[in-house]
Amino acid sequence: MRDPVAPFSPVPSLRAAALLAAVFAVSGVLTACGERAAAQGGPPQAPPVSAAPAVQKPIADSEEFTGRLEALETVDIRPRIGGTIDRVHFRDGATVKKGDLLFTIDPRPYQAEVARAESQLAAAQSRAELAKAELARAQQLLDAKAVSRQEFDQLSSGARTSNADIKAAEAALRVARLNVEYTAVRAPIAGHTSRAVVTAGNLVDDKTVLTTLVATHKVYAYFDGSEQTFLRLRKANDAALNVKMGLADETGFPHTGKVDFIDNRLNTQTGAIRIRAVFDNARGEFTPGLFARLQVAGSTSYQAVLTPERAIGTDQSKKFVFVVGANNVAEFREVKLGALIDGMRVVTAGLKPGELVVVSGLQRVRPGAPLAPQKLEVDARGMPIEKPAAPPPGAGGKEPADGDKKDEKKAALRTPVTADRARTT
């Protein structure tokens, strides 16, 4: 309760009124400045983007196909004679050389046949010697006119028959000896074996498949090319017949081969023609039947403009890029595209070599809007080399000095006091 006797002091009231008037004046100035800035409208901030120059270099157009690998030679191993399998001489899936022993058929019946043929040959030779001697005596008797001409002709015929019997016996002996050789089933080519379909103890004939053998030192890759591909390869030189290949688990086309066969007619229903390429397989990394991706290069090279594939935008059916124009203003360019080569897209129309193309930050770019481009260097392919990202503010920086810490603490202590005074006022 205020003392009625004490006089009223107007000083605090005057001070509060003056402070309140100053606050209102400052608020009015700030409001007027904000309204003036809003009325005038400042320029939009230029978004940061990365840009790389379009490159020009000689390239050759290429086409890509899919195909299957096949062996140069595939042999179904069958015995030439019948008999009982005596022994298997290889492991399933082994690599063998030409002439290696694979199976043995029991040779004893065929060895006996050789002995019989040899005896028949000996008998034929004995008969031939007797016929020859009789013919010689008949010749002497004929000169003395002691034998008729008919008897002499019969003896001559008998001698010739004996000689023919000798030849027949010799042929039978050769067949018997071949059959003995055929009891050893050998690899007709060098290659990779399958499993042994027939094991020891089984009776086989000349129609039984014992195993399968494929040559693996080289492989064929068959694929179907278009009519344009056929016409281009028909006119190409040896260098243009090179084919690159990649397997399903490989990136790109790391293997190089050569076209060695083009079929003699096109399929009239599909317009395709069968083409074959051959690849070296000395290291055994290709297996017949594998899926393969194939790339056939063009016959001639030309100068082309390229830009990274990620710089290409799509607007319905149009393809476009953003180019950094004069005064760092974004220019919309509709482009025509060619082949994709190692992540670089060939641009056949709409772009010139050396023009800066926006490669990242496309979502922040608008035609005619200013940009804050960061020019990137490019590698030998023309692909941009990204710069390392800058560390976040304060990350890895120096610790503030003791004096700075004290100033920060003082400022932190002063700020609440000022706010309290403003609230009190």
Protein backbone atom coordinates (compact mmCIF):
# COMPACT_ATOMS: atom_id res chain seq x y z
CA MET A 1 0.00 0.00 0.00
CA ARG A 2 1.42 3.36 -1.11
CA ASP A 3 2.04 5.95 1.56
CA PRO A 4 -0.54 8.78 1.00
CA VAL A 5 1.82 11.25 2.44
CA ALA A 6 4.77 10.46 0.10
CA PRO A 7 4.81 12.51 -3.14
CA PHE A 8 4.29 10.66 -6.53
CA SER A 9 7.49 10.41 -8.69
CA PRO A 10 6.90 10.58 -12.49
CA VAL A 11 10.48 9.43 -13.45
CA PRO A 12 9.83 5.67 -13.84
CA SER A 13 6.72 6.29 -15.88
CA LEU A 14 8.50 8.66 -18.24
CA ARG A 15 11.37 6.19 -18.71
CA ALA A 16 9.00 3.32 -19.57
CA ALA A 17 7.11 5.46 -22.01
CA ALA A 18 10.31 6.51 -23.79
CA LEU A 19 11.50 2.90 -24.06
CA LEU A 20 8.14 1.74 -25.43
CA ALA A 21 8.21 4.49 -28.07
CA ALA A 22 11.70 3.44 -29.18
CA VAL A 23 10.54 -0.19 -29.59
CA PHE A 24 7.61 0.90 -31.74
CA ALA A 25 9.88 3.05 -33.91
CA VAL A 26 12.32 0.22 -34.55
CA SER A 27 9.44 -2.16 -35.39
CA GLY A 28 8.07 0.33 -37.88
CA VAL A 29 11.41 0.72 -39.61
CA LEU A 30 11.86 -3.05 -39.91
CA THR A 31 8.33 -3.53 -41.22
CA ALA A 32 8.81 -0.82 -43.83
CA CYS A 33 12.09 -2.36 -45.00
CA GLY A 34 10.49 -5.82 -45.30
CA GLU A 35 7.56 -4.45 -47.28
CA ARG A 36 9.90 -2.54 -49.61
CA ALA A 37 12.04 -5.65 -50.23
CA ALA A 38 8.96 -7.78 -50.88
CA ALA A 39 7.57 -5.17 -53.25
CA GLN A 40 10.81 -4.93 -55.22
CA GLY A 41 11.37 -8.78 -55.39
CA GLY A 42 15.00 -10.05 -55.27
CA PRO A 43 16.54 -12.38 -57.93
CA PRO A 44 16.18 -16.18 -57.30
CA GLN A 45 19.19 -17.91 -55.89
CA ALA A 46 21.18 -19.86 -58.56
CA PRO A 47 21.11 -23.62 -57.75
CA PRO A 48 24.50 -25.39 -57.61
CA VAL A 49 25.02 -27.99 -60.35
CA SER A 50 27.88 -30.04 -61.76
CA ALA A 51 28.72 -29.63 -65.44
CA ALA A 52 31.14 -31.38 -67.79
CA PRO A 53 32.15 -30.50 -71.35
CA ALA A 54 30.86 -32.59 -74.23
CA VAL A 55 33.74 -34.48 -75.83
CA GLN A 56 34.46 -35.38 -79.42
CA LYS A 57 36.40 -38.48 -80.39
CA PRO A 58 36.47 -41.12 -83.14
CA ILE A 59 34.12 -44.04 -82.58
CA ALA A 60 32.69 -46.92 -84.57
CA ASP A 61 29.05 -47.89 -84.24
CA SER A 62 28.43 -51.34 -82.82
CA GLU A 63 25.57 -53.78 -82.50
CA GLU A 64 24.86 -56.13 -79.63
CA PHE A 65 23.44 -59.65 -79.87
CA THR A 66 22.79 -62.65 -77.69
CA GLY A 67 23.83 -66.18 -78.51
CA ARG A 68 25.02 -69.55 -77.24
CA LEU A 69 28.44 -71.14 -77.16
CA GLU A 70 29.01 -74.41 -78.99
CA ALA A 71 31.99 -76.71 -79.28
CA LEU A 72 34.02 -76.89 -82.48
CA GLU A 73 33.78 -80.68 -82.43
CA THR A 74 31.40 -82.96 -80.56
CA VAL A 75 31.82 -86.75 -80.72
CA ASP A 76 29.55 -89.47 -79.36
CA ILE A 77 31.97 -92.27 -78.43
CA ARG A 78 30.59 -95.58 -79.73
CA PRO A 79 32.42 -98.90 -80.06
CA ARG A 80 33.02 -100.19 -83.59
CA ILE A 81 32.46 -103.78 -82.47
CA GLY A 82 30.26 -105.54 -79.97
CA GLY A 83 31.45 -107.12 -76.78
CA THR A 84 31.74 -106.78 -73.04
CA ILE A 85 33.29 -103.66 -71.47
CA ASP A 86 36.39 -104.88 -69.69
CA ARG A 87 37.65 -101.61 -68.22
CA VAL A 88 37.06 -97.83 -68.14
CA HIS A 89 40.33 -95.89 -68.33
CA PHE A 90 39.27 -92.26 -67.60
CA ARG A 91 37.59 -90.29 -64.85
CA ASP A 92 34.27 -88.63 -65.50
CA GLY A 93 34.79 -85.11 -66.84
CA ALA A 94 38.50 -85.58 -67.54
CA THR A 95 40.42 -83.74 -70.23
CA VAL A 96 42.02 -86.19 -72.64
CA LYS A 97 44.37 -86.04 -75.62
CA LYS A 98 43.79 -87.48 -79.04
CA GLY A 99 44.51 -91.22 -78.94
CA ASP A 100 44.11 -91.65 -75.17
CA LEU A 101 42.55 -94.97 -74.14
CA LEU A 102 38.98 -94.59 -72.86
CA PHE A 103 37.44 -98.10 -72.78
CA THR A 104 38.63 -101.66 -73.28
CA ILE A 105 36.34 -104.35 -74.71
CA ASP A 106 37.14 -107.99 -73.96
CA PRO A 107 39.60 -108.83 -76.81
CA ARG A 108 39.75 -112.64 -76.46
CA PRO A 109 37.04 -113.52 -79.04
CA TYR A 110 38.69 -111.27 -81.60
CA GLN A 111 42.14 -112.63 -80.88
CA ALA A 112 40.80 -116.10 -81.60
CA GLU A 113 39.37 -114.79 -84.88
CA VAL A 114 42.84 -113.53 -85.80
CA ALA A 115 44.30 -116.98 -85.19
CA ARG A 116 41.64 -118.60 -87.41
CA ALA A 117 42.27 -116.08 -90.20
CA GLU A 118 45.98 -116.73 -90.01
CA SER A 119 45.42 -120.48 -90.43
CA GLN A 120 43.12 -119.93 -93.39
CA LEU A 121 45.77 -117.75 -95.01
CA ALA A 122 48.39 -120.44 -94.51
CA ALA A 123 46.11 -123.06 -96.11
CA ALA A 124 45.42 -120.81 -99.08
CA GLN A 125 49.11 -120.20 -99.59
CA SER A 126 49.79 -123.96 -99.52
CA ARG A 127 47.13 -124.64 -102.13
CA ALA A 128 48.50 -121.84 -104.26
CA GLU A 129 51.98 -123.34 -104.18
CA LEU A 130 50.64 -126.75 -105.26
CA ALA A 131 48.62 -125.21 -108.07
CA LYS A 132 51.67 -123.29 -109.23
CA ALA A 133 53.80 -126.41 -109.34
CA GLU A 134 51.15 -128.39 -111.25
CA LEU A 135 50.82 -125.58 -113.75
CA ALA A 136 54.59 -125.59 -114.34
CA ARG A 137 54.61 -129.36 -115.06
CA ALA A 138 51.58 -129.00 -117.32
CA GLN A 139 53.40 -126.35 -119.28
CA GLN A 140 56.27 -128.77 -119.99
CA LEU A 141 53.86 -131.55 -120.98
CA LEU A 142 51.94 -129.19 -123.20
CA ASP A 143 55.13 -128.32 -125.09
CA ALA A 144 55.73 -132.05 -125.61
CA LYS A 145 52.08 -132.47 -126.57
CA ALA A 146 51.68 -134.94 -123.71
CA VAL A 147 48.67 -133.12 -122.20
CA SER A 148 45.60 -131.67 -123.73
CA ARG A 149 44.98 -128.01 -123.94
CA GLN A 150 41.84 -128.39 -121.81
CA GLU A 151 43.74 -129.89 -118.92
CA PHE A 152 46.30 -127.10 -119.11
CA ASP A 153 43.57 -124.44 -118.98
CA GLN A 154 42.00 -126.10 -115.94
CA LEU A 155 45.32 -126.10 -114.13
CA SER A 156 45.87 -122.43 -115.02
CA SER A 157 42.44 -121.55 -113.64
CA GLY A 158 43.17 -123.46 -110.45
CA ALA A 159 46.40 -121.48 -109.96
CA ARG A 160 44.62 -118.19 -110.39
CA THR A 161 41.88 -119.29 -107.96
CA SER A 162 44.51 -120.16 -105.38
CA ASN A 163 46.03 -116.69 -105.66
CA ALA A 164 42.60 -115.17 -105.17
CA ASP A 165 42.04 -117.33 -102.09
CA ILE A 166 45.28 -115.99 -100.66
CA LYS A 167 44.08 -112.41 -101.10
CA ALA A 168 40.74 -113.21 -99.47
CA ALA A 169 42.49 -114.86 -96.52
CA GLU A 170 44.78 -111.85 -96.15
CA ALA A 171 41.77 -109.49 -96.14
CA ALA A 172 40.02 -111.60 -93.50
CA LEU A 173 43.16 -111.49 -91.38
CA ARG A 174 43.34 -107.70 -91.66
CA VAL A 175 39.69 -107.41 -90.54
CA ALA A 176 40.34 -109.71 -87.59
CA ARG A 177 43.35 -107.68 -86.55
CA LEU A 178 41.35 -104.42 -86.88
CA ASN A 179 38.67 -105.88 -84.62
CA VAL A 180 41.34 -106.60 -82.04
CA GLU A 181 42.49 -102.98 -82.30
CA TYR A 182 38.88 -101.80 -81.96
CA THR A 183 38.63 -103.50 -78.58
CA ALA A 184 40.65 -100.49 -77.34
CA VAL A 185 38.28 -97.50 -77.65
CA ARG A 186 40.42 -94.36 -77.95
CA ALA A 187 39.69 -90.63 -78.05
CA PRO A 188 39.34 -89.51 -81.68
CA ILE A 189 39.96 -85.85 -80.72
CA ALA A 190 41.44 -83.94 -77.81
CA GLY A 191 38.85 -82.51 -75.50
CA HIS A 192 36.70 -82.76 -72.41
CA THR A 193 34.85 -85.98 -71.60
CA SER A 194 31.41 -86.42 -70.15
CA ARG A 195 30.62 -89.22 -67.68
CA ALA A 196 31.00 -92.88 -68.59
CA VAL A 197 27.48 -93.89 -69.59
CA VAL A 198 28.43 -97.59 -69.68
CA THR A 199 30.63 -99.13 -67.03
CA ALA A 200 32.69 -102.33 -66.89
CA GLY A 201 30.80 -105.59 -67.28
CA ASN A 202 28.11 -104.31 -69.63
CA LEU A 203 27.53 -105.80 -73.05
CA VAL A 204 27.61 -103.20 -75.85
CA ASP A 205 27.29 -103.07 -79.62
CA ASP A 206 28.21 -100.55 -82.30
CA LYS A 207 25.08 -98.42 -81.52
CA THR A 208 25.79 -97.95 -77.81
CA VAL A 209 26.97 -94.47 -76.71
CA LEU A 210 29.76 -94.92 -74.17
CA THR A 211 30.42 -91.22 -73.45
CA THR A 212 30.54 -87.82 -75.15
CA LEU A 213 33.68 -85.88 -76.00
CA VAL A 214 33.84 -82.18 -76.94
CA ALA A 215 36.79 -80.15 -78.20
CA THR A 216 37.37 -77.14 -75.94
CA HIS A 217 40.51 -75.42 -77.25
CA LYS A 218 38.17 -73.10 -79.17
CA VAL A 219 34.44 -72.39 -79.04
CA TYR A 220 31.86 -71.10 -81.48
CA ALA A 221 29.32 -68.41 -80.64
CA TYR A 222 26.25 -68.50 -82.86
CA PHE A 223 23.91 -65.52 -83.11
CA ASP A 224 21.29 -64.15 -85.50
CA GLY A 225 22.11 -60.86 -87.24
CA SER A 226 19.85 -58.52 -89.15
CA GLU A 227 19.94 -57.93 -92.89
CA GLN A 228 21.81 -54.65 -92.32
CA THR A 229 24.41 -56.48 -90.24
CA PHE A 230 24.86 -59.07 -92.99
CA LEU A 231 25.32 -56.41 -95.67
CA ARG A 232 27.84 -54.52 -93.55
CA LEU A 233 29.88 -57.63 -92.69
CA ARG A 234 29.89 -58.76 -96.31
CA LYS A 235 31.67 -55.54 -97.28
CA ALA A 236 33.88 -55.32 -94.21
CA ASN A 237 37.60 -55.92 -94.02
CA ASP A 238 39.27 -58.32 -91.61
CA ALA A 239 39.53 -55.76 -88.79
CA ALA A 240 35.80 -55.10 -88.90
CA LEU A 241 35.01 -58.79 -88.43
CA ASN A 242 36.18 -58.68 -84.81
CA VAL A 243 33.56 -59.65 -82.25
CA LYS A 244 33.63 -58.99 -78.51
CA MET A 245 31.94 -61.27 -76.03
CA GLY A 246 30.89 -61.23 -72.40
CA LEU A 247 29.39 -64.01 -70.28
CA ALA A 248 26.38 -63.67 -68.00
CA ASP A 249 28.52 -62.96 -64.91
CA GLU A 250 30.88 -60.50 -66.63
CA THR A 251 30.69 -56.75 -67.14
CA GLY A 252 31.20 -55.42 -70.64
CA PHE A 253 32.80 -57.50 -73.38
CA PRO A 254 36.24 -58.66 -72.20
CA HIS A 255 36.83 -61.42 -74.80
CA THR A 256 37.68 -60.88 -78.46
CA GLY A 257 37.00 -63.26 -81.33
CA LYS A 258 36.39 -63.18 -85.05
CA VAL A 259 33.51 -63.87 -87.43
CA ASP A 260 34.43 -66.99 -89.44
CA PHE A 261 31.09 -68.05 -90.93
CA ILE A 262 27.93 -66.40 -92.30
CA ASP A 263 25.08 -68.61 -93.47
CA ASN A 264 24.16 -68.81 -97.15
CA ARG A 265 20.61 -67.45 -96.83
CA LEU A 266 18.40 -65.27 -94.64
CA ASN A 267 15.29 -66.45 -92.85
CA THR A 268 12.49 -64.83 -94.87
CA GLN A 269 10.11 -64.92 -91.91
CA THR A 270 12.37 -63.16 -89.41
CA GLY A 271 14.77 -61.33 -91.75
CA ALA A 272 17.73 -62.69 -89.75
CA ILE A 273 20.76 -64.67 -90.79
CA ARG A 274 22.88 -67.06 -88.71
CA ILE A 275 26.39 -65.76 -87.97
CA ARG A 276 29.20 -67.54 -86.17
CA ALA A 277 32.21 -66.20 -84.31
CA VAL A 278 35.13 -68.25 -83.00
CA PHE A 279 36.92 -67.57 -79.69
CA ASP A 280 40.12 -69.03 -78.28
CA ASN A 281 39.59 -71.18 -75.19
CA ALA A 282 43.13 -72.15 -74.25
CA ARG A 283 42.42 -71.48 -70.56
CA GLY A 284 39.21 -73.50 -70.59
CA GLU A 285 36.97 -70.70 -69.31
CA PHE A 286 34.21 -71.29 -71.88
CA THR A 287 31.83 -74.24 -71.72
CA PRO A 288 29.59 -75.18 -74.66
CA GLY A 289 25.99 -74.19 -74.03
CA LEU A 290 26.72 -71.00 -72.06
CA PHE A 291 24.73 -67.83 -72.75
CA ALA A 292 26.85 -65.07 -74.31
CA ARG A 293 26.50 -61.37 -75.08
CA LEU A 294 28.18 -60.34 -78.31
CA GLN A 295 29.15 -56.96 -79.75
CA VAL A 296 29.97 -56.46 -83.41
CA ALA A 297 31.88 -53.24 -84.14
CA GLY A 298 31.29 -51.05 -87.18
CA SER A 299 33.55 -51.14 -90.19
CA THR A 300 34.54 -47.43 -90.23
CA SER A 301 35.07 -44.84 -87.49
CA TYR A 302 33.85 -41.25 -87.43
CA GLN A 303 34.06 -38.21 -85.16
CA ALA A 304 31.16 -38.15 -82.69
CA VAL A 305 30.04 -35.92 -79.82
CA LEU A 306 29.51 -37.75 -76.52
CA THR A 307 28.11 -36.84 -73.13
CA PRO A 308 27.45 -38.95 -70.02
CA GLU A 309 24.28 -41.01 -70.15
CA ARG A 310 23.09 -39.58 -66.83
CA ALA A 311 22.98 -36.07 -68.36
CA ILE A 312 20.20 -37.13 -70.75
CA GLY A 313 16.67 -36.17 -69.72
CA THR A 314 13.35 -37.41 -71.11
CA ASP A 315 10.33 -35.24 -71.90
CA GLN A 316 7.64 -37.57 -73.23
CA SER A 317 9.09 -38.70 -76.56
CA LYS A 318 11.92 -36.14 -76.58
CA LYS A 319 15.44 -36.42 -75.24
CA PHE A 320 17.15 -33.30 -73.94
CA VAL A 321 20.11 -31.89 -72.03
CA PHE A 322 20.70 -28.67 -70.14
CA VAL A 323 23.64 -26.60 -71.36
CA VAL A 324 25.31 -23.87 -69.31
CA GLY A 325 24.93 -20.86 -71.61
CA ALA A 326 26.06 -17.23 -71.45
CA ASN A 327 26.02 -15.66 -67.98
CA ASN A 328 25.54 -19.15 -66.51
CA VAL A 329 21.96 -19.42 -67.71
CA ALA A 330 20.41 -22.86 -68.32
CA GLU A 331 19.63 -23.63 -71.96
CA PHE A 332 17.22 -26.41 -72.91
CA ARG A 333 18.53 -28.49 -75.84
CA GLU A 334 16.60 -31.22 -77.61
CA VAL A 335 19.09 -33.86 -78.79
CA LYS A 336 19.18 -36.89 -81.07
CA LEU A 337 20.92 -39.90 -79.57
CA GLY A 338 23.14 -42.63 -80.95
CA ALA A 339 24.84 -45.65 -79.43
CA LEU A 340 25.80 -46.09 -75.76
CA ILE A 341 29.54 -46.70 -75.35
CA ASP A 342 31.02 -47.33 -71.88
CA GLY A 343 28.47 -45.09 -70.15
CA MET A 344 28.84 -42.30 -72.73
CA ARG A 345 25.95 -41.54 -75.08
CA VAL A 346 26.58 -40.49 -78.67
CA VAL A 347 24.69 -37.27 -79.53
CA THR A 348 24.09 -37.04 -83.26
CA ALA A 349 22.32 -33.64 -83.20
CA GLY A 350 21.70 -30.76 -80.78
CA LEU A 351 25.07 -30.54 -79.01
CA LYS A 352 28.51 -29.21 -79.94
CA PRO A 353 31.92 -30.31 -78.61
CA GLY A 354 33.12 -28.37 -75.59
CA GLU A 355 29.70 -27.14 -74.45
CA LEU A 356 29.13 -27.50 -70.72
CA VAL A 357 26.38 -30.03 -70.02
CA VAL A 358 24.71 -30.34 -66.62
CA VAL A 359 25.45 -33.86 -65.38
CA SER A 360 24.08 -33.69 -61.81
CA GLY A 361 21.43 -31.58 -60.12
CA LEU A 362 19.05 -31.76 -63.11
CA GLN A 363 16.01 -31.67 -60.83
CA ARG A 364 16.97 -28.13 -59.73
CA VAL A 365 17.41 -26.74 -63.26
CA ARG A 366 14.76 -24.72 -65.13
CA PRO A 367 15.13 -23.37 -68.67
CA GLY A 368 16.38 -19.78 -68.61
CA ALA A 369 17.15 -19.86 -64.88
CA PRO A 370 20.59 -18.87 -63.57
CA LEU A 371 22.97 -21.62 -62.47
CA ALA A 372 25.96 -21.91 -60.17
CA PRO A 373 27.93 -24.51 -62.18
CA GLN A 374 30.89 -26.46 -60.92
CA LYS A 375 32.97 -27.54 -63.92
CA LEU A 376 34.29 -31.09 -63.69
CA GLU A 377 37.34 -32.56 -65.40
CA VAL A 378 36.83 -35.58 -67.65
CA ASP A 379 38.84 -38.80 -68.10
CA ALA A 380 40.01 -40.40 -71.34
CA ARG A 381 36.52 -41.72 -72.08
CA GLY A 382 34.95 -38.31 -71.47
CA MET A 383 33.36 -39.39 -68.18
CA PRO A 384 33.28 -36.64 -65.50
CA ILE A 385 35.68 -37.00 -62.58
CA GLU A 386 33.73 -36.21 -59.44
CA LYS A 387 35.44 -33.96 -56.91
CA PRO A 388 35.54 -35.18 -53.28
CA ALA A 389 32.72 -33.82 -51.18
CA ALA A 390 33.63 -30.97 -48.81
CA PRO A 391 33.49 -31.85 -45.07
CA PRO A 392 30.45 -30.52 -43.16
CA PRO A 393 30.88 -27.24 -41.25
CA GLY A 394 32.88 -27.77 -38.09
CA ALA A 395 33.95 -31.30 -39.08
CA GLY A 396 37.70 -31.63 -38.75
CA GLY A 397 38.13 -27.88 -38.02
CA LYS A 398 40.24 -26.25 -35.32
CA GLU A 399 38.95 -25.84 -31.80
CA PRO A 400 38.07 -22.24 -30.94
CA ALA A 401 40.62 -20.37 -28.88
CA ASP A 402 40.12 -19.76 -25.16
CA GLY A 403 39.40 -16.10 -25.81
CA ASP A 404 36.71 -17.00 -28.35
CA LYS A 405 35.15 -19.42 -25.86
CA LYS A 406 35.01 -16.69 -23.23
CA ASP A 407 33.39 -14.26 -25.71
CA GLU A 408 30.80 -16.88 -26.62
CA LYS A 409 30.02 -17.47 -22.96
CA LYS A 410 29.65 -13.72 -22.35
CA ALA A 411 27.34 -13.38 -25.33
CA ALA A 412 25.26 -16.32 -24.10
CA LEU A 413 24.97 -14.69 -20.67
CA ARG A 414 24.04 -11.29 -22.10
CA THR A 415 21.33 -12.57 -24.41
CA PRO A 416 18.87 -13.82 -21.74
CA VAL A 417 19.26 -10.59 -19.71
CA THR A 418 18.34 -8.44 -22.70
CA ALA A 419 15.37 -10.65 -23.43
CA ASP A 420 14.21 -10.38 -19.79
CA ARG A 421 14.50 -6.61 -19.90
CA ALA A 422 12.50 -6.48 -23.12
CA ARG A 423 9.80 -8.67 -21.55
CA THR A 424 9.81 -6.55 -18.39
CA THR A 425 9.45 -3.41 -20.42
